[in-house]
């Protein structure tokens, strides 16, 4: 949305505005339609799924392992991984990484924390490991992402 506002503010050509609007709508559609239909699962399965999601978000600042999550809920590692994939559609390890990247995106654009501070807050042993993982997932280095998407005021006139 910040990019869209920047395009409008700087009077880019209409085609740029159309492309950005399409991109935003596509992203929103993807997020809304990719939410797994948890209604089709038992209350126990839904609860495991939501508990895992909460656990990951609460412990995002640590290097979370699937074995740790399984132990925390008293389940076998394979069982909990299988249940998560069945309901969510992505492996638990990928969900953890996705959640870390989303948090990193927020911290890169909406805080002034250094890349090293962000890496530490997300449970990475060093900023190099974080940067390499981040670039592999997003296609941009953390610095490139920050320079591209940050410091755009929402209601700038």
N, C-alpha and C. Protein backbone atom coordinates (compact mmCIF):
# COMPACT_ATOMS: atom_id res chain seq x y z
N UNK A 1 0.83 -1.19 0.00
CA UNK A 1 0.00 0.00 0.00
C UNK A 1 0.87 1.25 0.00
N UNK A 2 2.01 1.16 0.71
CA UNK A 2 2.91 2.30 0.74
C UNK A 2 3.43 2.62 -0.65
N UNK A 3 3.73 1.57 -1.41
CA UNK A 3 4.20 1.79 -2.78
C UNK A 3 3.11 2.42 -3.64
N UNK A 4 1.89 1.96 -3.47
CA UNK A 4 0.76 2.51 -4.22
C UNK A 4 0.61 4.00 -3.94
N UNK A 5 0.70 4.36 -2.67
CA UNK A 5 0.60 5.78 -2.31
C UNK A 5 1.75 6.58 -2.90
N UNK A 6 2.93 5.98 -2.94
CA UNK A 6 4.09 6.65 -3.52
C UNK A 6 3.89 6.89 -5.01
N UNK A 7 3.31 5.91 -5.70
CA UNK A 7 3.06 6.04 -7.14
C UNK A 7 2.07 7.18 -7.40
N UNK A 8 1.03 7.25 -6.58
CA UNK A 8 0.03 8.32 -6.74
C UNK A 8 0.66 9.67 -6.44
N UNK A 9 1.38 9.74 -5.31
CA UNK A 9 1.98 11.01 -4.87
C UNK A 9 2.97 11.57 -5.90
N UNK A 10 3.73 10.70 -6.52
CA UNK A 10 4.76 11.14 -7.47
C UNK A 10 4.28 11.17 -8.91
N UNK A 11 2.97 11.00 -9.09
CA UNK A 11 2.34 11.12 -10.41
C UNK A 11 2.98 10.23 -11.48
N UNK A 12 3.16 8.95 -11.12
CA UNK A 12 3.65 7.98 -12.09
C UNK A 12 2.59 7.79 -13.17
N UNK A 13 2.95 7.21 -14.30
CA UNK A 13 1.95 6.96 -15.35
C UNK A 13 0.85 6.02 -14.84
N UNK A 14 -0.32 6.11 -15.46
CA UNK A 14 -1.47 5.32 -15.05
C UNK A 14 -1.20 3.83 -15.11
N UNK A 15 -0.36 3.40 -16.05
CA UNK A 15 -0.06 1.98 -16.17
C UNK A 15 0.66 1.46 -14.92
N UNK A 16 1.50 2.29 -14.31
CA UNK A 16 2.18 1.89 -13.08
C UNK A 16 1.17 1.74 -11.94
N UNK A 17 0.22 2.65 -11.89
CA UNK A 17 -0.83 2.58 -10.87
C UNK A 17 -1.68 1.32 -11.07
N UNK A 18 -2.02 1.01 -12.34
CA UNK A 18 -2.78 -0.20 -12.64
C UNK A 18 -2.01 -1.46 -12.25
N UNK A 19 -0.73 -1.48 -12.56
CA UNK A 19 0.09 -2.66 -12.24
C UNK A 19 0.18 -2.86 -10.73
N UNK A 20 0.38 -1.80 -10.00
CA UNK A 20 0.49 -1.90 -8.55
C UNK A 20 -0.85 -2.31 -7.94
N UNK A 21 -1.93 -1.75 -8.42
CA UNK A 21 -3.26 -2.12 -7.91
C UNK A 21 -3.53 -3.60 -8.16
N UNK A 22 -3.19 -4.07 -9.34
CA UNK A 22 -3.37 -5.48 -9.68
C UNK A 22 -2.53 -6.36 -8.76
N UNK A 23 -1.31 -5.94 -8.51
CA UNK A 23 -0.42 -6.70 -7.63
C UNK A 23 -0.99 -6.80 -6.22
N UNK A 24 -1.51 -5.71 -5.71
CA UNK A 24 -2.09 -5.70 -4.36
C UNK A 24 -3.33 -6.59 -4.30
N UNK A 25 -4.20 -6.47 -5.29
CA UNK A 25 -5.40 -7.30 -5.32
C UNK A 25 -5.05 -8.78 -5.43
N UNK A 26 -4.04 -9.10 -6.22
CA UNK A 26 -3.60 -10.49 -6.37
C UNK A 26 -3.08 -11.03 -5.04
N UNK A 27 -2.29 -10.23 -4.35
CA UNK A 27 -1.77 -10.63 -3.04
C UNK A 27 -2.89 -10.85 -2.04
N UNK A 28 -3.83 -9.93 -1.99
CA UNK A 28 -4.96 -10.08 -1.07
C UNK A 28 -5.79 -11.32 -1.40
N UNK A 29 -6.04 -11.55 -2.66
CA UNK A 29 -6.79 -12.73 -3.08
C UNK A 29 -6.05 -14.00 -2.64
N UNK A 30 -4.74 -14.02 -2.87
CA UNK A 30 -3.94 -15.17 -2.49
C UNK A 30 -3.99 -15.42 -1.00
N UNK A 31 -3.90 -14.38 -0.22
CA UNK A 31 -3.93 -14.54 1.24
C UNK A 31 -5.29 -15.02 1.71
N UNK A 32 -6.34 -14.51 1.10
CA UNK A 32 -7.69 -14.89 1.53
C UNK A 32 -8.07 -16.29 1.09
N UNK A 33 -7.65 -16.69 -0.09
CA UNK A 33 -8.04 -18.01 -0.59
C UNK A 33 -7.09 -19.10 -0.13
N UNK A 34 -5.91 -18.77 0.35
CA UNK A 34 -4.96 -19.78 0.79
C UNK A 34 -5.11 -20.11 2.27
N UNK A 35 -6.05 -19.47 2.95
CA UNK A 35 -6.30 -19.81 4.34
C UNK A 35 -6.97 -21.18 4.34
N UNK A 36 -6.39 -22.13 5.03
CA UNK A 36 -6.96 -23.48 4.97
C UNK A 36 -8.36 -23.54 5.57
N UNK A 37 -9.22 -24.34 4.98
CA UNK A 37 -10.58 -24.48 5.49
C UNK A 37 -10.59 -25.38 6.73
N UNK A 38 -10.30 -24.81 7.89
CA UNK A 38 -10.17 -25.61 9.11
C UNK A 38 -11.51 -26.14 9.60
N UNK A 39 -12.63 -25.68 9.04
CA UNK A 39 -13.93 -26.18 9.48
C UNK A 39 -14.06 -27.68 9.23
N UNK A 40 -13.33 -28.19 8.26
CA UNK A 40 -13.45 -29.59 7.88
C UNK A 40 -12.72 -30.55 8.83
N UNK A 41 -12.10 -30.02 9.85
CA UNK A 41 -11.30 -30.84 10.75
C UNK A 41 -11.94 -30.90 12.14
N UNK A 42 -11.56 -31.91 12.89
CA UNK A 42 -12.09 -32.07 14.24
C UNK A 42 -11.62 -30.92 15.13
N UNK A 43 -12.31 -30.72 16.23
CA UNK A 43 -11.93 -29.66 17.17
C UNK A 43 -10.50 -29.87 17.68
N UNK A 44 -10.13 -31.12 17.91
CA UNK A 44 -8.78 -31.43 18.38
C UNK A 44 -7.73 -31.04 17.33
N UNK A 45 -7.98 -31.37 16.07
CA UNK A 45 -7.05 -31.02 15.00
C UNK A 45 -6.94 -29.51 14.83
N UNK A 46 -8.08 -28.83 14.88
CA UNK A 46 -8.07 -27.36 14.78
C UNK A 46 -7.27 -26.75 15.92
N UNK A 47 -7.49 -27.28 17.11
CA UNK A 47 -6.80 -26.73 18.28
C UNK A 47 -5.29 -26.91 18.17
N UNK A 48 -4.85 -28.07 17.70
CA UNK A 48 -3.41 -28.31 17.51
C UNK A 48 -2.86 -27.28 16.53
N UNK A 49 -3.56 -27.10 15.42
CA UNK A 49 -3.15 -26.16 14.38
C UNK A 49 -3.02 -24.73 14.94
N UNK A 50 -4.04 -24.26 15.63
CA UNK A 50 -4.00 -22.90 16.19
C UNK A 50 -2.95 -22.78 17.30
N UNK A 51 -2.80 -23.82 18.10
CA UNK A 51 -1.78 -23.79 19.16
C UNK A 51 -0.38 -23.70 18.58
N UNK A 52 -0.13 -24.44 17.50
CA UNK A 52 1.18 -24.39 16.85
C UNK A 52 1.44 -22.99 16.30
N UNK A 53 0.44 -22.41 15.65
CA UNK A 53 0.61 -21.07 15.09
C UNK A 53 0.93 -20.07 16.21
N UNK A 54 0.20 -20.16 17.32
CA UNK A 54 0.45 -19.27 18.45
C UNK A 54 1.85 -19.49 19.03
N UNK A 55 2.24 -20.75 19.14
CA UNK A 55 3.55 -21.08 19.68
C UNK A 55 4.66 -20.45 18.83
N UNK A 56 4.53 -20.59 17.52
CA UNK A 56 5.54 -20.04 16.61
C UNK A 56 5.60 -18.52 16.75
N UNK A 57 4.46 -17.86 16.76
CA UNK A 57 4.44 -16.40 16.87
C UNK A 57 4.99 -15.92 18.21
N UNK A 58 4.68 -16.65 19.27
CA UNK A 58 5.16 -16.28 20.60
C UNK A 58 6.67 -16.48 20.74
N UNK A 59 7.19 -17.49 20.08
CA UNK A 59 8.60 -17.84 20.21
C UNK A 59 9.44 -17.47 18.99
N UNK A 60 8.96 -16.53 18.22
CA UNK A 60 9.62 -16.15 16.96
C UNK A 60 11.05 -15.66 17.18
N UNK A 61 11.35 -15.20 18.37
CA UNK A 61 12.69 -14.67 18.65
C UNK A 61 13.71 -15.77 18.94
N UNK A 62 13.28 -17.02 18.86
CA UNK A 62 14.18 -18.14 19.11
C UNK A 62 14.34 -18.98 17.85
N UNK A 63 15.35 -19.80 17.85
CA UNK A 63 15.54 -20.75 16.76
C UNK A 63 14.66 -21.96 17.05
N UNK A 64 13.44 -21.93 16.55
CA UNK A 64 12.43 -22.94 16.87
C UNK A 64 12.67 -24.20 16.05
N UNK A 65 12.62 -25.33 16.70
CA UNK A 65 12.76 -26.62 16.03
C UNK A 65 11.43 -27.37 16.14
N UNK A 66 11.14 -28.18 15.16
CA UNK A 66 9.90 -28.96 15.16
C UNK A 66 9.86 -29.90 16.36
N UNK A 67 11.01 -30.45 16.72
CA UNK A 67 11.06 -31.35 17.88
C UNK A 67 10.66 -30.62 19.15
N UNK A 68 11.03 -29.36 19.26
CA UNK A 68 10.65 -28.55 20.41
C UNK A 68 9.14 -28.32 20.46
N UNK A 69 8.54 -28.04 19.32
CA UNK A 69 7.10 -27.82 19.25
C UNK A 69 6.37 -29.12 19.61
N UNK A 70 6.84 -30.22 19.06
CA UNK A 70 6.22 -31.52 19.35
C UNK A 70 6.30 -31.82 20.85
N UNK A 71 7.44 -31.57 21.45
CA UNK A 71 7.61 -31.83 22.89
C UNK A 71 6.70 -30.91 23.71
N UNK A 72 6.56 -29.68 23.29
CA UNK A 72 5.74 -28.71 24.02
C UNK A 72 4.27 -29.15 24.07
N UNK A 73 3.82 -29.84 23.03
CA UNK A 73 2.43 -30.26 22.97
C UNK A 73 2.23 -31.74 23.27
N UNK A 74 3.35 -32.43 23.54
CA UNK A 74 3.26 -33.84 23.90
C UNK A 74 2.93 -34.77 22.74
N UNK A 75 3.38 -34.42 21.55
CA UNK A 75 3.13 -35.25 20.38
C UNK A 75 4.44 -35.69 19.76
N UNK A 76 4.35 -36.69 18.93
CA UNK A 76 5.48 -37.15 18.14
C UNK A 76 5.77 -36.11 17.06
N UNK A 77 7.03 -35.93 16.75
CA UNK A 77 7.46 -34.94 15.75
C UNK A 77 6.81 -35.19 14.38
N UNK A 78 6.80 -36.44 13.95
CA UNK A 78 6.22 -36.77 12.64
C UNK A 78 4.70 -36.53 12.64
N UNK A 79 4.04 -36.87 13.75
CA UNK A 79 2.60 -36.69 13.84
C UNK A 79 2.24 -35.20 13.72
N UNK A 80 2.93 -34.38 14.48
CA UNK A 80 2.59 -32.95 14.49
C UNK A 80 2.91 -32.31 13.13
N UNK A 81 4.00 -32.74 12.52
CA UNK A 81 4.35 -32.22 11.18
C UNK A 81 3.31 -32.63 10.16
N UNK A 82 2.90 -33.89 10.22
CA UNK A 82 1.90 -34.40 9.28
C UNK A 82 0.57 -33.66 9.45
N UNK A 83 0.14 -33.49 10.67
CA UNK A 83 -1.13 -32.79 10.94
C UNK A 83 -1.07 -31.35 10.44
N UNK A 84 0.05 -30.69 10.66
CA UNK A 84 0.17 -29.29 10.25
C UNK A 84 0.10 -29.17 8.73
N UNK A 85 0.82 -30.03 8.02
CA UNK A 85 0.79 -30.00 6.55
C UNK A 85 -0.62 -30.31 6.05
N UNK A 86 -1.27 -31.27 6.68
CA UNK A 86 -2.61 -31.67 6.28
C UNK A 86 -3.59 -30.49 6.38
N UNK A 87 -3.48 -29.72 7.44
CA UNK A 87 -4.42 -28.61 7.65
C UNK A 87 -3.97 -27.34 6.95
N UNK A 88 -2.71 -27.00 7.07
CA UNK A 88 -2.20 -25.72 6.56
C UNK A 88 -1.78 -25.79 5.09
N UNK A 89 -1.32 -26.95 4.66
CA UNK A 89 -0.90 -27.08 3.26
C UNK A 89 0.57 -26.80 3.03
N UNK A 90 1.28 -26.37 4.06
CA UNK A 90 2.73 -26.17 3.93
C UNK A 90 3.41 -26.85 5.12
N UNK A 91 4.65 -27.29 4.94
CA UNK A 91 5.37 -27.92 6.04
C UNK A 91 5.56 -26.94 7.20
N UNK A 92 5.61 -27.48 8.40
CA UNK A 92 5.77 -26.66 9.61
C UNK A 92 7.04 -25.84 9.56
N UNK A 93 8.12 -26.43 9.09
CA UNK A 93 9.39 -25.70 9.00
C UNK A 93 9.25 -24.49 8.07
N UNK A 94 8.54 -24.68 6.97
CA UNK A 94 8.31 -23.57 6.03
C UNK A 94 7.43 -22.50 6.67
N UNK A 95 6.45 -22.91 7.46
CA UNK A 95 5.60 -21.94 8.15
C UNK A 95 6.42 -21.10 9.14
N UNK A 96 7.31 -21.75 9.85
CA UNK A 96 8.17 -21.02 10.80
C UNK A 96 9.00 -19.99 10.05
N UNK A 97 9.61 -20.41 8.95
CA UNK A 97 10.44 -19.51 8.15
C UNK A 97 9.61 -18.37 7.57
N UNK A 98 8.41 -18.68 7.07
CA UNK A 98 7.52 -17.65 6.51
C UNK A 98 7.16 -16.62 7.58
N UNK A 99 6.88 -17.08 8.78
CA UNK A 99 6.53 -16.18 9.88
C UNK A 99 7.71 -15.29 10.24
N UNK A 100 8.91 -15.85 10.25
CA UNK A 100 10.11 -15.05 10.54
C UNK A 100 10.34 -13.98 9.46
N UNK A 101 10.15 -14.35 8.21
CA UNK A 101 10.34 -13.40 7.11
C UNK A 101 9.30 -12.28 7.19
N UNK A 102 8.06 -12.61 7.51
CA UNK A 102 7.03 -11.58 7.65
C UNK A 102 7.38 -10.61 8.78
N UNK A 103 7.87 -11.14 9.88
CA UNK A 103 8.28 -10.29 11.00
C UNK A 103 9.50 -9.44 10.60
N UNK A 104 10.42 -10.05 9.87
CA UNK A 104 11.59 -9.30 9.39
C UNK A 104 11.16 -8.16 8.47
N UNK A 105 10.21 -8.42 7.59
CA UNK A 105 9.71 -7.38 6.69
C UNK A 105 9.17 -6.20 7.48
N UNK A 106 8.38 -6.51 8.50
CA UNK A 106 7.85 -5.43 9.34
C UNK A 106 8.99 -4.65 10.01
N UNK A 107 9.93 -5.36 10.59
CA UNK A 107 11.01 -4.68 11.31
C UNK A 107 11.92 -3.89 10.36
N UNK A 108 12.09 -4.38 9.15
CA UNK A 108 12.93 -3.66 8.18
C UNK A 108 12.28 -2.36 7.71
N UNK A 109 10.96 -2.36 7.59
CA UNK A 109 10.29 -1.17 7.06
C UNK A 109 9.79 -0.22 8.13
N UNK A 110 9.46 -0.75 9.30
CA UNK A 110 8.80 0.09 10.30
C UNK A 110 9.63 0.35 11.55
N UNK A 111 10.90 -0.06 11.55
CA UNK A 111 11.78 0.24 12.68
C UNK A 111 13.12 0.71 12.13
N UNK A 112 13.93 1.24 13.01
CA UNK A 112 15.27 1.66 12.62
C UNK A 112 16.33 0.68 13.12
N UNK A 113 15.92 -0.52 13.46
CA UNK A 113 16.85 -1.52 13.97
C UNK A 113 17.81 -1.94 12.87
N UNK A 114 19.03 -2.24 13.28
CA UNK A 114 20.03 -2.70 12.32
C UNK A 114 19.69 -4.12 11.89
N UNK A 115 20.28 -4.55 10.79
CA UNK A 115 20.07 -5.91 10.29
C UNK A 115 20.54 -6.91 11.35
N UNK A 116 21.64 -6.61 12.03
CA UNK A 116 22.16 -7.51 13.08
C UNK A 116 21.16 -7.62 14.23
N UNK A 117 20.54 -6.52 14.62
CA UNK A 117 19.54 -6.54 15.70
C UNK A 117 18.32 -7.36 15.30
N UNK A 118 17.88 -7.17 14.05
CA UNK A 118 16.73 -7.92 13.56
C UNK A 118 17.05 -9.41 13.53
N UNK A 119 18.23 -9.75 13.02
CA UNK A 119 18.64 -11.16 12.97
C UNK A 119 18.63 -11.77 14.37
N UNK A 120 19.17 -11.04 15.33
CA UNK A 120 19.21 -11.55 16.70
C UNK A 120 17.81 -11.72 17.27
N UNK A 121 16.93 -10.75 17.01
CA UNK A 121 15.55 -10.81 17.52
C UNK A 121 14.74 -11.93 16.90
N UNK A 122 15.17 -12.40 15.75
CA UNK A 122 14.45 -13.49 15.08
C UNK A 122 15.12 -14.85 15.30
N UNK A 123 16.11 -14.89 16.19
CA UNK A 123 16.71 -16.16 16.57
C UNK A 123 17.82 -16.66 15.66
N UNK A 124 18.36 -15.79 14.81
CA UNK A 124 19.47 -16.20 13.95
C UNK A 124 20.78 -16.02 14.70
N UNK A 125 21.72 -16.92 14.43
CA UNK A 125 23.00 -16.87 15.14
C UNK A 125 23.84 -15.66 14.73
N UNK A 126 23.69 -15.23 13.49
CA UNK A 126 24.42 -14.04 13.04
C UNK A 126 23.69 -13.39 11.87
N UNK A 127 24.06 -12.16 11.57
CA UNK A 127 23.36 -11.41 10.52
C UNK A 127 23.65 -11.97 9.13
N UNK A 128 24.80 -12.60 8.94
CA UNK A 128 25.12 -13.18 7.63
C UNK A 128 24.17 -14.33 7.31
N UNK A 129 23.94 -15.20 8.28
CA UNK A 129 23.02 -16.32 8.10
C UNK A 129 21.60 -15.81 7.82
N UNK A 130 21.19 -14.80 8.57
CA UNK A 130 19.87 -14.20 8.36
C UNK A 130 19.78 -13.60 6.96
N UNK A 131 20.77 -12.82 6.56
CA UNK A 131 20.74 -12.16 5.25
C UNK A 131 20.69 -13.17 4.11
N UNK A 132 21.47 -14.24 4.24
CA UNK A 132 21.48 -15.28 3.20
C UNK A 132 20.11 -15.94 3.09
N UNK A 133 19.52 -16.30 4.23
CA UNK A 133 18.19 -16.92 4.24
C UNK A 133 17.14 -15.96 3.70
N UNK A 134 17.20 -14.71 4.14
CA UNK A 134 16.24 -13.70 3.71
C UNK A 134 16.28 -13.53 2.19
N UNK A 135 17.49 -13.42 1.63
CA UNK A 135 17.63 -13.23 0.19
C UNK A 135 17.14 -14.45 -0.58
N UNK A 136 17.39 -15.63 -0.04
CA UNK A 136 16.94 -16.86 -0.69
C UNK A 136 15.41 -16.90 -0.77
N UNK A 137 14.75 -16.43 0.26
CA UNK A 137 13.28 -16.47 0.31
C UNK A 137 12.65 -15.34 -0.48
N UNK A 138 13.16 -14.11 -0.31
CA UNK A 138 12.51 -12.94 -0.91
C UNK A 138 13.10 -12.49 -2.24
N UNK A 139 14.33 -12.88 -2.51
CA UNK A 139 15.00 -12.42 -3.73
C UNK A 139 15.72 -11.10 -3.54
N UNK A 140 15.57 -10.49 -2.36
CA UNK A 140 16.24 -9.24 -2.04
C UNK A 140 17.04 -9.41 -0.75
N UNK A 141 18.12 -8.67 -0.63
CA UNK A 141 18.82 -8.67 0.65
C UNK A 141 17.99 -7.84 1.61
N UNK A 142 18.20 -7.99 2.91
CA UNK A 142 17.45 -7.16 3.86
C UNK A 142 17.65 -5.66 3.60
N UNK A 143 18.84 -5.26 3.25
CA UNK A 143 19.11 -3.85 2.96
C UNK A 143 18.35 -3.38 1.72
N UNK A 144 18.33 -4.21 0.70
CA UNK A 144 17.60 -3.86 -0.51
C UNK A 144 16.10 -3.73 -0.22
N UNK A 145 15.58 -4.65 0.57
CA UNK A 145 14.16 -4.59 0.93
C UNK A 145 13.87 -3.30 1.70
N UNK A 146 14.71 -3.01 2.68
CA UNK A 146 14.52 -1.80 3.49
C UNK A 146 14.57 -0.55 2.61
N UNK A 147 15.54 -0.47 1.73
CA UNK A 147 15.67 0.71 0.88
C UNK A 147 14.52 0.85 -0.11
N UNK A 148 13.95 -0.26 -0.51
CA UNK A 148 12.85 -0.23 -1.48
C UNK A 148 11.52 0.11 -0.83
N UNK A 149 11.26 -0.43 0.35
CA UNK A 149 9.92 -0.33 0.91
C UNK A 149 9.77 0.54 2.15
N UNK A 150 10.83 0.98 2.74
CA UNK A 150 10.67 1.73 3.99
C UNK A 150 10.63 3.24 3.78
N UNK A 151 10.36 3.88 4.87
CA UNK A 151 10.38 5.35 4.95
C UNK A 151 9.43 6.02 3.98
N UNK A 152 8.31 5.39 3.76
CA UNK A 152 7.26 6.02 2.96
C UNK A 152 6.11 6.31 3.92
N UNK A 153 5.76 7.54 4.00
CA UNK A 153 4.71 7.94 4.94
C UNK A 153 3.34 7.60 4.37
N UNK A 154 2.48 7.05 5.20
CA UNK A 154 1.17 6.63 4.72
C UNK A 154 0.30 7.80 4.26
N UNK A 155 0.26 8.86 5.03
CA UNK A 155 -0.62 9.97 4.68
C UNK A 155 0.18 11.22 4.34
N UNK A 156 1.22 11.02 3.57
CA UNK A 156 2.07 12.12 3.18
C UNK A 156 1.36 12.96 2.11
N UNK A 157 1.31 14.26 2.33
CA UNK A 157 0.64 15.16 1.39
C UNK A 157 1.66 15.90 0.57
